[in-house]
Amino acid sequence: MKDAYEVLGVSKNASTEEIKKAYRDLVKRYHPDKYQNNPLADLAEEKLQEINEAYDYLEKNHGNSSCNQVPSGFGNGNRTEDSSMRGVYNDIRVRLDRNDLINTEKRLNGIGLTDRDAEWNFLYGMLCYKKGGYDEALTYVKRAMAMDSSNFEYQRMYSSMSNRNNIYKGYGGATTAENPMCEALQCMCCANLLCPCF
């Protein structure tokens, strides 16, 4: 890894606040949202990973280790993961934000079973959700909540997903034979399309 101070553009005498500010500024500069449909997207992603690694290193090795992670994508609530995993989770959140689901899944599956903490379960749940596996997503987010019951982000997402899942099962998830509401709506749509008097 390159010199962490050099990557963040700060001096070795920088305060914790200066390091945090430099980190936040760089994350904003290289965030994937700014590089959508841009040939430099891969370079920006590599740079962002390098920035995360440098910040993680300085958090552990530069004087006071009370640097906080800058929020991204889904928001970070009261995240409690081990600081050694922070860069990995940042990278996974960036990939989720970009809908890079294949590489997100590879990264998550590459994390050992013993390291699969609340944040891992939450992110895996978000991956399942983006892939359309709502019941599975709910299971993983619920597990994340059980592991870290004080995390507001997990609670909020679980509530949101539960509501969406209930609506899906109540109306959209059933066939017309199982759900008279769906059958009635389909008949109305057909009538609109076929009848010239509508």
N, C-alpha and C. Protein backbone atom coordinates (compact mmCIF):
# COMPACT_ATOMS: atom_id res chain seq x y z
N MET A 1 0.84 -1.19 0.00
CA MET A 1 0.00 0.00 0.00
C MET A 1 0.87 1.25 0.00
N LYS A 2 0.44 2.27 -0.73
CA LYS A 2 1.16 3.55 -0.72
C LYS A 2 1.12 4.16 0.67
N ASP A 3 1.93 5.18 0.86
CA ASP A 3 1.92 5.88 2.14
C ASP A 3 0.52 6.44 2.39
N ALA A 4 -0.09 6.06 3.51
CA ALA A 4 -1.47 6.44 3.81
C ALA A 4 -1.65 7.95 3.90
N TYR A 5 -0.67 8.64 4.47
CA TYR A 5 -0.75 10.10 4.58
C TYR A 5 -0.76 10.74 3.19
N GLU A 6 0.07 10.19 2.32
CA GLU A 6 0.16 10.71 0.95
C GLU A 6 -1.15 10.48 0.20
N VAL A 7 -1.74 9.30 0.38
CA VAL A 7 -3.00 8.97 -0.30
C VAL A 7 -4.09 9.96 0.10
N LEU A 8 -4.15 10.30 1.40
CA LEU A 8 -5.18 11.22 1.88
C LEU A 8 -4.77 12.68 1.73
N GLY A 9 -3.52 12.91 1.37
CA GLY A 9 -3.05 14.28 1.17
C GLY A 9 -2.93 15.07 2.45
N VAL A 10 -2.50 14.40 3.53
CA VAL A 10 -2.32 15.08 4.82
C VAL A 10 -0.91 14.84 5.33
N SER A 11 -0.46 15.70 6.23
CA SER A 11 0.88 15.54 6.79
C SER A 11 0.84 14.52 7.93
N LYS A 12 2.01 14.03 8.30
CA LYS A 12 2.09 13.05 9.38
C LYS A 12 1.75 13.68 10.73
N ASN A 13 1.73 15.00 10.78
CA ASN A 13 1.37 15.70 12.02
C ASN A 13 -0.10 16.12 12.02
N ALA A 14 -0.85 15.67 11.04
CA ALA A 14 -2.26 16.08 10.92
C ALA A 14 -3.05 15.61 12.13
N SER A 15 -4.05 16.40 12.51
CA SER A 15 -4.93 16.00 13.61
C SER A 15 -5.94 14.98 13.09
N THR A 16 -6.61 14.32 14.03
CA THR A 16 -7.65 13.36 13.65
C THR A 16 -8.73 14.04 12.84
N GLU A 17 -9.09 15.25 13.21
CA GLU A 17 -10.13 15.98 12.47
C GLU A 17 -9.69 16.29 11.04
N GLU A 18 -8.42 16.65 10.86
CA GLU A 18 -7.91 16.94 9.51
C GLU A 18 -7.93 15.67 8.65
N ILE A 19 -7.60 14.54 9.26
CA ILE A 19 -7.63 13.27 8.53
C ILE A 19 -9.06 12.93 8.13
N LYS A 20 -9.99 13.10 9.06
CA LYS A 20 -11.40 12.82 8.75
C LYS A 20 -11.90 13.71 7.62
N LYS A 21 -11.55 14.99 7.69
CA LYS A 21 -12.01 15.94 6.66
C LYS A 21 -11.44 15.57 5.29
N ALA A 22 -10.15 15.24 5.25
CA ALA A 22 -9.52 14.85 3.99
C ALA A 22 -10.19 13.60 3.43
N TYR A 23 -10.48 12.65 4.31
CA TYR A 23 -11.14 11.41 3.89
C TYR A 23 -12.51 11.70 3.29
N ARG A 24 -13.30 12.49 4.00
CA ARG A 24 -14.65 12.83 3.51
C ARG A 24 -14.59 13.51 2.14
N ASP A 25 -13.68 14.46 2.01
CA ASP A 25 -13.55 15.19 0.74
C ASP A 25 -13.19 14.25 -0.41
N LEU A 26 -12.27 13.33 -0.14
CA LEU A 26 -11.85 12.40 -1.19
C LEU A 26 -12.95 11.41 -1.56
N VAL A 27 -13.71 10.95 -0.56
CA VAL A 27 -14.82 10.04 -0.84
C VAL A 27 -15.85 10.74 -1.72
N LYS A 28 -16.12 12.00 -1.43
CA LYS A 28 -17.06 12.76 -2.27
C LYS A 28 -16.53 12.90 -3.69
N ARG A 29 -15.24 13.18 -3.80
CA ARG A 29 -14.64 13.40 -5.12
C ARG A 29 -14.67 12.15 -5.99
N TYR A 30 -14.43 10.98 -5.37
CA TYR A 30 -14.33 9.74 -6.15
C TYR A 30 -15.55 8.83 -6.02
N HIS A 31 -16.63 9.36 -5.49
CA HIS A 31 -17.84 8.53 -5.32
C HIS A 31 -18.35 8.06 -6.69
N PRO A 32 -18.78 6.79 -6.79
CA PRO A 32 -19.21 6.23 -8.08
C PRO A 32 -20.33 7.00 -8.77
N ASP A 33 -21.18 7.68 -8.00
CA ASP A 33 -22.27 8.45 -8.62
C ASP A 33 -21.74 9.50 -9.58
N LYS A 34 -20.55 10.00 -9.33
CA LYS A 34 -19.97 11.03 -10.20
C LYS A 34 -19.36 10.45 -11.46
N TYR A 35 -19.23 9.12 -11.51
CA TYR A 35 -18.54 8.48 -12.64
C TYR A 35 -19.42 7.49 -13.40
N GLN A 36 -20.73 7.61 -13.25
CA GLN A 36 -21.61 6.73 -13.99
C GLN A 36 -21.48 7.02 -15.48
N ASN A 37 -21.43 5.95 -16.28
CA ASN A 37 -21.28 6.06 -17.74
C ASN A 37 -20.03 6.86 -18.12
N ASN A 38 -19.00 6.72 -17.32
CA ASN A 38 -17.76 7.44 -17.56
C ASN A 38 -16.64 6.42 -17.72
N PRO A 39 -15.79 6.56 -18.72
CA PRO A 39 -14.70 5.59 -18.91
C PRO A 39 -13.72 5.54 -17.74
N LEU A 40 -13.76 6.54 -16.86
CA LEU A 40 -12.86 6.57 -15.71
C LEU A 40 -13.46 5.91 -14.46
N ALA A 41 -14.64 5.28 -14.61
CA ALA A 41 -15.34 4.70 -13.45
C ALA A 41 -14.48 3.66 -12.72
N ASP A 42 -13.80 2.80 -13.47
CA ASP A 42 -12.97 1.77 -12.83
C ASP A 42 -11.81 2.37 -12.07
N LEU A 43 -11.19 3.41 -12.65
CA LEU A 43 -10.08 4.08 -11.96
C LEU A 43 -10.56 4.76 -10.68
N ALA A 44 -11.74 5.37 -10.75
CA ALA A 44 -12.30 6.04 -9.57
C ALA A 44 -12.59 5.02 -8.48
N GLU A 45 -13.08 3.85 -8.88
CA GLU A 45 -13.37 2.81 -7.89
C GLU A 45 -12.10 2.31 -7.22
N GLU A 46 -11.05 2.13 -8.01
CA GLU A 46 -9.75 1.72 -7.45
C GLU A 46 -9.22 2.78 -6.49
N LYS A 47 -9.35 4.03 -6.89
CA LYS A 47 -8.87 5.14 -6.05
C LYS A 47 -9.65 5.17 -4.73
N LEU A 48 -10.96 4.97 -4.81
CA LEU A 48 -11.79 4.99 -3.61
C LEU A 48 -11.39 3.85 -2.67
N GLN A 49 -11.09 2.69 -3.22
CA GLN A 49 -10.64 1.57 -2.39
C GLN A 49 -9.31 1.91 -1.71
N GLU A 50 -8.41 2.54 -2.45
CA GLU A 50 -7.12 2.94 -1.90
C GLU A 50 -7.32 3.95 -0.77
N ILE A 51 -8.25 4.88 -0.96
CA ILE A 51 -8.56 5.89 0.06
C ILE A 51 -9.11 5.21 1.32
N ASN A 52 -10.02 4.25 1.15
CA ASN A 52 -10.58 3.53 2.30
C ASN A 52 -9.50 2.77 3.06
N GLU A 53 -8.61 2.12 2.33
CA GLU A 53 -7.53 1.37 2.98
C GLU A 53 -6.60 2.31 3.75
N ALA A 54 -6.28 3.45 3.15
CA ALA A 54 -5.41 4.42 3.82
C ALA A 54 -6.06 4.94 5.10
N TYR A 55 -7.35 5.25 5.01
CA TYR A 55 -8.07 5.77 6.18
C TYR A 55 -8.12 4.71 7.28
N ASP A 56 -8.41 3.46 6.90
CA ASP A 56 -8.43 2.38 7.90
C ASP A 56 -7.08 2.23 8.59
N TYR A 57 -6.02 2.33 7.79
CA TYR A 57 -4.67 2.22 8.35
C TYR A 57 -4.41 3.34 9.35
N LEU A 58 -4.74 4.56 8.96
CA LEU A 58 -4.49 5.70 9.85
C LEU A 58 -5.38 5.65 11.08
N GLU A 59 -6.58 5.15 10.92
CA GLU A 59 -7.48 5.04 12.07
C GLU A 59 -6.86 4.15 13.15
N LYS A 60 -6.17 3.11 12.72
CA LYS A 60 -5.56 2.19 13.68
C LYS A 60 -4.18 2.64 14.15
N ASN A 61 -3.49 3.43 13.33
CA ASN A 61 -2.08 3.70 13.61
C ASN A 61 -1.71 5.17 13.85
N HIS A 62 -2.64 6.08 13.68
CA HIS A 62 -2.31 7.50 13.85
C HIS A 62 -2.88 8.01 15.18
N GLY A 63 -2.06 8.09 16.18
CA GLY A 63 -2.46 8.67 17.47
C GLY A 63 -3.80 8.17 17.96
N ASN A 64 -4.76 9.07 18.05
CA ASN A 64 -6.10 8.77 18.53
C ASN A 64 -6.87 8.03 17.44
N SER A 65 -7.40 6.85 17.74
CA SER A 65 -8.11 6.06 16.73
C SER A 65 -9.61 6.23 16.84
N SER A 66 -10.05 7.49 16.89
CA SER A 66 -11.49 7.72 17.01
C SER A 66 -12.09 8.29 15.73
N CYS A 67 -11.41 8.07 14.59
CA CYS A 67 -11.98 8.54 13.32
C CYS A 67 -13.29 7.82 13.08
N ASN A 68 -14.25 8.55 12.54
CA ASN A 68 -15.53 7.94 12.20
C ASN A 68 -15.66 7.76 10.71
N GLN A 69 -16.39 6.75 10.33
CA GLN A 69 -16.58 6.48 8.91
C GLN A 69 -17.54 7.49 8.31
N VAL A 70 -17.23 7.94 7.11
CA VAL A 70 -18.12 8.86 6.44
C VAL A 70 -19.29 8.08 5.86
N PRO A 71 -20.51 8.62 5.93
CA PRO A 71 -21.66 7.90 5.42
C PRO A 71 -21.61 7.71 3.91
N SER A 72 -22.27 6.66 3.44
CA SER A 72 -22.40 6.42 2.00
C SER A 72 -23.69 5.70 1.73
N GLY A 73 -24.15 5.76 0.52
CA GLY A 73 -25.25 4.94 0.03
C GLY A 73 -26.44 4.80 0.95
N PHE A 74 -26.51 3.71 1.69
CA PHE A 74 -27.65 3.42 2.53
C PHE A 74 -27.60 4.16 3.85
N GLY A 75 -26.54 4.95 4.09
CA GLY A 75 -26.38 5.60 5.40
C GLY A 75 -25.82 4.59 6.38
N ASN A 76 -25.11 5.02 7.37
CA ASN A 76 -24.42 4.06 8.21
C ASN A 76 -24.96 3.92 9.62
N GLY A 77 -25.96 4.67 9.98
CA GLY A 77 -26.57 4.48 11.28
C GLY A 77 -25.57 4.38 12.40
N ASN A 78 -25.74 3.39 13.25
CA ASN A 78 -24.83 3.15 14.37
C ASN A 78 -23.96 1.95 14.09
N ARG A 79 -23.21 1.95 13.02
CA ARG A 79 -22.46 0.79 12.59
C ARG A 79 -21.42 0.42 13.64
N THR A 80 -21.27 -0.90 13.87
CA THR A 80 -20.39 -1.34 14.94
C THR A 80 -19.33 -2.32 14.48
N GLU A 81 -19.14 -2.47 13.16
CA GLU A 81 -18.19 -3.49 12.71
C GLU A 81 -16.76 -3.16 13.12
N ASP A 82 -15.94 -4.20 13.20
CA ASP A 82 -14.52 -4.08 13.49
C ASP A 82 -13.91 -3.13 12.46
N SER A 83 -13.05 -2.23 12.92
CA SER A 83 -12.47 -1.24 12.01
C SER A 83 -11.65 -1.88 10.90
N SER A 84 -11.14 -3.10 11.11
CA SER A 84 -10.37 -3.76 10.06
C SER A 84 -11.26 -4.14 8.87
N MET A 85 -12.56 -4.23 9.10
CA MET A 85 -13.50 -4.58 8.03
C MET A 85 -14.12 -3.34 7.39
N ARG A 86 -13.87 -2.18 7.93
CA ARG A 86 -14.55 -0.97 7.46
C ARG A 86 -14.30 -0.70 5.97
N GLY A 87 -13.06 -0.83 5.53
CA GLY A 87 -12.74 -0.60 4.12
C GLY A 87 -13.45 -1.59 3.22
N VAL A 88 -13.51 -2.85 3.67
CA VAL A 88 -14.20 -3.88 2.89
C VAL A 88 -15.68 -3.54 2.77
N TYR A 89 -16.29 -3.18 3.90
CA TYR A 89 -17.72 -2.86 3.88
C TYR A 89 -17.99 -1.58 3.08
N ASN A 90 -17.10 -0.60 3.16
CA ASN A 90 -17.26 0.60 2.33
C ASN A 90 -17.29 0.22 0.86
N ASP A 91 -16.35 -0.63 0.46
CA ASP A 91 -16.26 -1.06 -0.93
C ASP A 91 -17.54 -1.80 -1.34
N ILE A 92 -18.05 -2.65 -0.47
CA ILE A 92 -19.27 -3.40 -0.77
C ILE A 92 -20.46 -2.44 -0.91
N ARG A 93 -20.54 -1.45 -0.04
CA ARG A 93 -21.64 -0.47 -0.14
C ARG A 93 -21.55 0.31 -1.45
N VAL A 94 -20.35 0.66 -1.86
CA VAL A 94 -20.16 1.37 -3.12
C VAL A 94 -20.66 0.49 -4.27
N ARG A 95 -20.30 -0.78 -4.24
CA ARG A 95 -20.73 -1.70 -5.30
C ARG A 95 -22.25 -1.85 -5.31
N LEU A 96 -22.86 -1.93 -4.12
CA LEU A 96 -24.32 -2.01 -4.04
C LEU A 96 -24.96 -0.76 -4.62
N ASP A 97 -24.40 0.40 -4.29
CA ASP A 97 -24.92 1.66 -4.83
C ASP A 97 -24.88 1.68 -6.35
N ARG A 98 -23.87 1.03 -6.92
CA ARG A 98 -23.70 1.00 -8.38
C ARG A 98 -24.47 -0.16 -9.02
N ASN A 99 -25.17 -0.94 -8.20
CA ASN A 99 -25.88 -2.13 -8.67
C ASN A 99 -24.93 -3.14 -9.31
N ASP A 100 -23.71 -3.19 -8.81
CA ASP A 100 -22.73 -4.18 -9.26
C ASP A 100 -22.93 -5.43 -8.39
N LEU A 101 -24.03 -6.15 -8.65
CA LEU A 101 -24.46 -7.21 -7.76
C LEU A 101 -23.56 -8.44 -7.82
N ILE A 102 -23.00 -8.73 -8.98
CA ILE A 102 -22.13 -9.90 -9.11
C ILE A 102 -20.89 -9.75 -8.24
N ASN A 103 -20.22 -8.59 -8.36
CA ASN A 103 -19.01 -8.37 -7.56
C ASN A 103 -19.33 -8.15 -6.08
N THR A 104 -20.49 -7.59 -5.79
CA THR A 104 -20.92 -7.44 -4.40
C THR A 104 -21.03 -8.82 -3.76
N GLU A 105 -21.68 -9.73 -4.47
CA GLU A 105 -21.85 -11.09 -3.93
C GLU A 105 -20.50 -11.79 -3.76
N LYS A 106 -19.60 -11.60 -4.72
CA LYS A 106 -18.27 -12.20 -4.61
C LYS A 106 -17.55 -11.69 -3.37
N ARG A 107 -17.62 -10.36 -3.16
CA ARG A 107 -16.94 -9.77 -2.00
C ARG A 107 -17.53 -10.29 -0.69
N LEU A 108 -18.87 -10.35 -0.63
CA LEU A 108 -19.51 -10.81 0.60
C LEU A 108 -19.21 -12.29 0.86
N ASN A 109 -19.25 -13.11 -0.17
CA ASN A 109 -18.96 -14.53 0.00
C ASN A 109 -17.49 -14.79 0.31
N GLY A 110 -16.63 -13.82 -0.02
CA GLY A 110 -15.21 -13.95 0.28
C GLY A 110 -14.86 -13.68 1.73
N ILE A 111 -15.82 -13.19 2.49
CA ILE A 111 -15.59 -12.92 3.92
C ILE A 111 -15.84 -14.21 4.70
N GLY A 112 -14.90 -14.59 5.53
CA GLY A 112 -14.98 -15.85 6.27
C GLY A 112 -16.18 -15.92 7.20
N LEU A 113 -16.64 -17.14 7.46
CA LEU A 113 -17.83 -17.35 8.29
C LEU A 113 -17.71 -16.69 9.66
N THR A 114 -16.51 -16.74 10.24
CA THR A 114 -16.35 -16.18 11.59
C THR A 114 -16.37 -14.65 11.59
N ASP A 115 -16.20 -14.03 10.41
CA ASP A 115 -16.21 -12.56 10.32
C ASP A 115 -17.55 -12.01 9.88
N ARG A 116 -18.54 -12.86 9.74
CA ARG A 116 -19.85 -12.42 9.25
C ARG A 116 -20.67 -11.84 10.39
N ASP A 117 -20.44 -10.56 10.63
CA ASP A 117 -21.07 -9.86 11.74
C ASP A 117 -22.40 -9.24 11.30
N ALA A 118 -22.92 -8.34 12.12
CA ALA A 118 -24.21 -7.70 11.83
C ALA A 118 -24.16 -6.96 10.49
N GLU A 119 -23.09 -6.25 10.24
CA GLU A 119 -22.99 -5.48 8.99
C GLU A 119 -22.97 -6.41 7.78
N TRP A 120 -22.27 -7.54 7.90
CA TRP A 120 -22.25 -8.51 6.79
C TRP A 120 -23.67 -8.99 6.49
N ASN A 121 -24.42 -9.34 7.53
CA ASN A 121 -25.79 -9.82 7.35
C ASN A 121 -26.67 -8.74 6.74
N PHE A 122 -26.50 -7.52 7.20
CA PHE A 122 -27.29 -6.41 6.65
C PHE A 122 -27.00 -6.24 5.16
N LEU A 123 -25.72 -6.20 4.80
CA LEU A 123 -25.35 -5.99 3.40
C LEU A 123 -25.78 -7.17 2.53
N TYR A 124 -25.70 -8.37 3.07
CA TYR A 124 -26.16 -9.53 2.29
C TYR A 124 -27.68 -9.44 2.09
N GLY A 125 -28.37 -8.97 3.11
CA GLY A 125 -29.81 -8.75 2.98
C GLY A 125 -30.13 -7.72 1.91
N MET A 126 -29.34 -6.65 1.86
CA MET A 126 -29.56 -5.62 0.84
C MET A 126 -29.28 -6.18 -0.56
N LEU A 127 -28.28 -7.04 -0.66
CA LEU A 127 -27.99 -7.70 -1.94
C LEU A 127 -29.18 -8.55 -2.38
N CYS A 128 -29.70 -9.37 -1.46
CA CYS A 128 -30.87 -10.20 -1.77
C CYS A 128 -32.05 -9.33 -2.19
N TYR A 129 -32.24 -8.23 -1.50
CA TYR A 129 -33.35 -7.32 -1.80
C TYR A 129 -33.23 -6.77 -3.22
N LYS A 130 -32.02 -6.35 -3.59
CA LYS A 130 -31.80 -5.81 -4.93
C LYS A 130 -31.97 -6.88 -6.01
N LYS A 131 -31.74 -8.14 -5.63
CA LYS A 131 -31.90 -9.25 -6.58
C LYS A 131 -33.34 -9.75 -6.62
N GLY A 132 -34.21 -9.21 -5.77
CA GLY A 132 -35.62 -9.60 -5.78
C GLY A 132 -35.98 -10.70 -4.80
N GLY A 133 -35.05 -11.12 -3.97
CA GLY A 133 -35.33 -12.16 -2.96
C GLY A 133 -35.78 -11.53 -1.66
N TYR A 134 -37.02 -11.06 -1.60
CA TYR A 134 -37.49 -10.26 -0.47
C TYR A 134 -37.55 -11.04 0.83
N ASP A 135 -38.02 -12.29 0.79
CA ASP A 135 -38.08 -13.08 2.03
C ASP A 135 -36.69 -13.35 2.57
N GLU A 136 -35.77 -13.70 1.68
CA GLU A 136 -34.39 -13.96 2.09
C GLU A 136 -33.74 -12.69 2.64
N ALA A 137 -34.01 -11.57 1.97
CA ALA A 137 -33.47 -10.28 2.42
C ALA A 137 -33.94 -9.96 3.84
N LEU A 138 -35.22 -10.19 4.07
CA LEU A 138 -35.81 -9.92 5.38
C LEU A 138 -35.13 -10.77 6.46
N THR A 139 -34.84 -12.03 6.13
CA THR A 139 -34.18 -12.94 7.08
C THR A 139 -32.80 -12.40 7.48
N TYR A 140 -32.02 -11.95 6.49
CA TYR A 140 -30.67 -11.47 6.79
C TYR A 140 -30.70 -10.15 7.57
N VAL A 141 -31.60 -9.25 7.21
CA VAL A 141 -31.68 -7.97 7.92
C VAL A 141 -32.17 -8.19 9.35
N LYS A 142 -33.08 -9.13 9.51
CA LYS A 142 -33.56 -9.47 10.87
C LYS A 142 -32.41 -10.02 11.71
N ARG A 143 -31.56 -10.86 11.09
CA ARG A 143 -30.39 -11.40 11.79
C ARG A 143 -29.44 -10.27 12.19
N ALA A 144 -29.25 -9.31 11.28
CA ALA A 144 -28.38 -8.15 11.58
C ALA A 144 -28.93 -7.39 12.78
N MET A 145 -30.25 -7.20 12.82
CA MET A 145 -30.87 -6.50 13.95
C MET A 145 -30.66 -7.27 15.25
N ALA A 146 -30.75 -8.59 15.20
CA ALA A 146 -30.55 -9.40 16.41
C ALA A 146 -29.12 -9.27 16.92
N MET A 147 -28.17 -9.13 15.99
CA MET A 147 -26.76 -9.02 16.37
C MET A 147 -26.41 -7.62 16.86
N ASP A 148 -27.13 -6.60 16.35
CA ASP A 148 -26.88 -5.21 16.75
C ASP A 148 -28.22 -4.50 16.86
N SER A 149 -28.88 -4.72 17.98
CA SER A 149 -30.26 -4.24 18.17
C SER A 149 -30.37 -2.73 18.27
N SER A 150 -29.26 -2.04 18.49
CA SER A 150 -29.32 -0.58 18.63
C SER A 150 -29.11 0.15 17.30
N ASN A 151 -28.90 -0.58 16.22
CA ASN A 151 -28.59 0.05 14.94
C ASN A 151 -29.87 0.54 14.27
N PHE A 152 -30.02 1.84 14.18
CA PHE A 152 -31.23 2.45 13.63
C PHE A 152 -31.39 2.13 12.15
N GLU A 153 -30.28 2.08 11.42
CA GLU A 153 -30.35 1.79 9.98
C GLU A 153 -30.95 0.41 9.74
N TYR A 154 -30.53 -0.58 10.50
CA TYR A 154 -31.05 -1.93 10.34
C TYR A 154 -32.55 -1.96 10.67
N GLN A 155 -32.94 -1.29 11.76
CA GLN A 155 -34.34 -1.26 12.17
C GLN A 155 -35.21 -0.61 11.10
N ARG A 156 -34.74 0.52 10.58
CA ARG A 156 -35.50 1.25 9.56
C ARG A 156 -35.66 0.42 8.29
N MET A 157 -34.59 -0.23 7.87
CA MET A 157 -34.66 -1.03 6.65
C MET A 157 -35.54 -2.25 6.85
N TYR A 158 -35.46 -2.87 8.03
CA TYR A 158 -36.31 -4.04 8.30
C TYR A 158 -37.78 -3.64 8.24
N SER A 159 -38.12 -2.51 8.84
CA SER A 159 -39.49 -2.03 8.83
C SER A 159 -39.96 -1.75 7.40
N SER A 160 -39.12 -1.07 6.64
CA SER A 160 -39.46 -0.75 5.25
C SER A 160 -39.65 -2.01 4.42
N MET A 161 -38.73 -2.97 4.58
CA MET A 161 -38.81 -4.21 3.81
C MET A 161 -40.01 -5.04 4.24
N SER A 162 -40.34 -5.05 5.51
CA SER A 162 -41.50 -5.81 6.00
C SER A 162 -42.77 -5.27 5.37
N ASN A 163 -42.89 -3.94 5.35
CA ASN A 163 -44.08 -3.33 4.75
C ASN A 163 -44.19 -3.66 3.27
N ARG A 164 -43.07 -3.56 2.57
CA ARG A 164 -43.08 -3.85 1.13
C ARG A 164 -43.40 -5.31 0.89
N ASN A 165 -42.85 -6.20 1.71
CA ASN A 165 -43.08 -7.63 1.56
C ASN A 165 -44.55 -7.98 1.79
N ASN A 166 -45.17 -7.33 2.77
CA ASN A 166 -46.59 -7.59 3.05
C ASN A 166 -47.46 -7.13 1.89
N ILE A 167 -47.13 -5.98 1.32
CA ILE A 167 -47.89 -5.48 0.17
C ILE A 167 -47.73 -6.43 -1.01
N TYR A 168 -46.48 -6.87 -1.24
CA TYR A 168 -46.20 -7.78 -2.35
C TYR A 168 -46.99 -9.07 -2.20
N LYS A 169 -46.97 -9.65 -0.99
CA LYS A 169 -47.67 -10.90 -0.76
C LYS A 169 -49.18 -10.70 -0.83
N GLY A 170 -49.65 -9.54 -0.38
CA GLY A 170 -51.08 -9.29 -0.35
C GLY A 170 -51.70 -9.08 -1.72
N TYR A 171 -50.93 -8.48 -2.64
CA TYR A 171 -51.51 -8.17 -3.94
C TYR A 171 -50.69 -8.70 -5.10
N GLY A 172 -49.44 -8.28 -5.18
CA GLY A 172 -48.65 -8.62 -6.36
C GLY A 172 -48.08 -10.00 -6.37
N GLY A 173 -47.92 -10.65 -5.22
CA GLY A 173 -47.25 -11.94 -5.19
C GLY A 173 -48.16 -13.12 -5.48
N ALA A 174 -49.46 -12.90 -5.51
CA ALA A 174 -50.37 -14.01 -5.74
C ALA A 174 -50.85 -14.04 -7.18
N THR A 175 -51.24 -15.21 -7.64
CA THR A 175 -51.80 -15.32 -8.99
C THR A 175 -53.22 -14.80 -8.96
N THR A 176 -53.79 -14.54 -10.13
CA THR A 176 -55.15 -14.00 -10.17
C THR A 176 -56.15 -14.98 -9.58
N ALA A 177 -55.88 -16.28 -9.73
CA ALA A 177 -56.81 -17.27 -9.18
C ALA A 177 -56.82 -17.20 -7.65
N GLU A 178 -55.69 -16.79 -7.05
CA GLU A 178 -55.60 -16.71 -5.59
C GLU A 178 -56.06 -15.36 -5.07
N ASN A 179 -56.10 -14.36 -5.92
CA ASN A 179 -56.36 -13.01 -5.46
C ASN A 179 -57.41 -12.33 -6.34
N PRO A 180 -58.63 -12.20 -5.85
CA PRO A 180 -59.69 -11.60 -6.65
C PRO A 180 -59.40 -10.14 -7.04
N MET A 181 -58.65 -9.42 -6.20
CA MET A 181 -58.29 -8.03 -6.51
C MET A 181 -57.49 -7.99 -7.81
N CYS A 182 -56.50 -8.88 -7.94
CA CYS A 182 -55.69 -8.93 -9.16
C CYS A 182 -56.55 -9.26 -10.37
N GLU A 183 -57.45 -10.21 -10.19
CA GLU A 183 -58.31 -10.62 -11.30
C GLU A 183 -59.17 -9.45 -11.76
N ALA A 184 -59.73 -8.72 -10.82
CA ALA A 184 -60.58 -7.57 -11.17
C ALA A 184 -59.78 -6.49 -11.89
N LEU A 185 -58.57 -6.22 -11.41
CA LEU A 185 -57.73 -5.21 -12.05
C LEU A 185 -57.34 -5.63 -13.46
N GLN A 186 -57.04 -6.92 -13.64
CA GLN A 186 -56.69 -7.40 -14.97
C GLN A 186 -57.86 -7.26 -15.93
N CYS A 187 -59.06 -7.58 -15.46
CA CYS A 187 -60.25 -7.45 -16.30
C CYS A 187 -60.46 -5.99 -16.72
N MET A 188 -60.26 -5.07 -15.78
CA MET A 188 -60.42 -3.64 -16.09
C MET A 188 -59.41 -3.20 -17.13
N CYS A 189 -58.16 -3.69 -17.01
CA CYS A 189 -57.11 -3.34 -17.98
C CYS A 189 -57.48 -3.87 -19.35
N CYS A 190 -57.96 -5.14 -19.40
CA CYS A 190 -58.35 -5.72 -20.69
C CYS A 190 -59.49 -4.93 -21.30
N ALA A 191 -60.46 -4.54 -20.49
CA ALA A 191 -61.61 -3.78 -20.99
C ALA A 191 -61.15 -2.45 -21.57
N ASN A 192 -60.22 -1.80 -20.90
CA ASN A 192 -59.71 -0.53 -21.41
C ASN A 192 -59.02 -0.68 -22.75
N LEU A 193 -58.29 -1.78 -22.91
CA LEU A 193 -57.55 -2.00 -24.15
C LEU A 193 -58.42 -2.45 -25.30
N LEU A 194 -59.44 -3.26 -25.00
CA LEU A 194 -60.21 -3.89 -26.07
C LEU A 194 -61.51 -3.18 -26.42
N CYS A 195 -62.09 -2.51 -25.48
CA CYS A 195 -63.39 -1.90 -25.73
C CYS A 195 -63.23 -0.48 -26.27
N PRO A 196 -63.82 -0.17 -27.44
CA PRO A 196 -63.66 1.17 -28.03
C PRO A 196 -64.42 2.26 -27.27
N CYS A 197 -65.33 1.85 -26.36
CA CYS A 197 -66.12 2.88 -25.66
C CYS A 197 -65.39 3.47 -24.48
N PHE A 198 -64.22 2.94 -24.08
CA PHE A 198 -63.47 3.48 -22.94
C PHE A 198 -62.57 4.61 -23.39
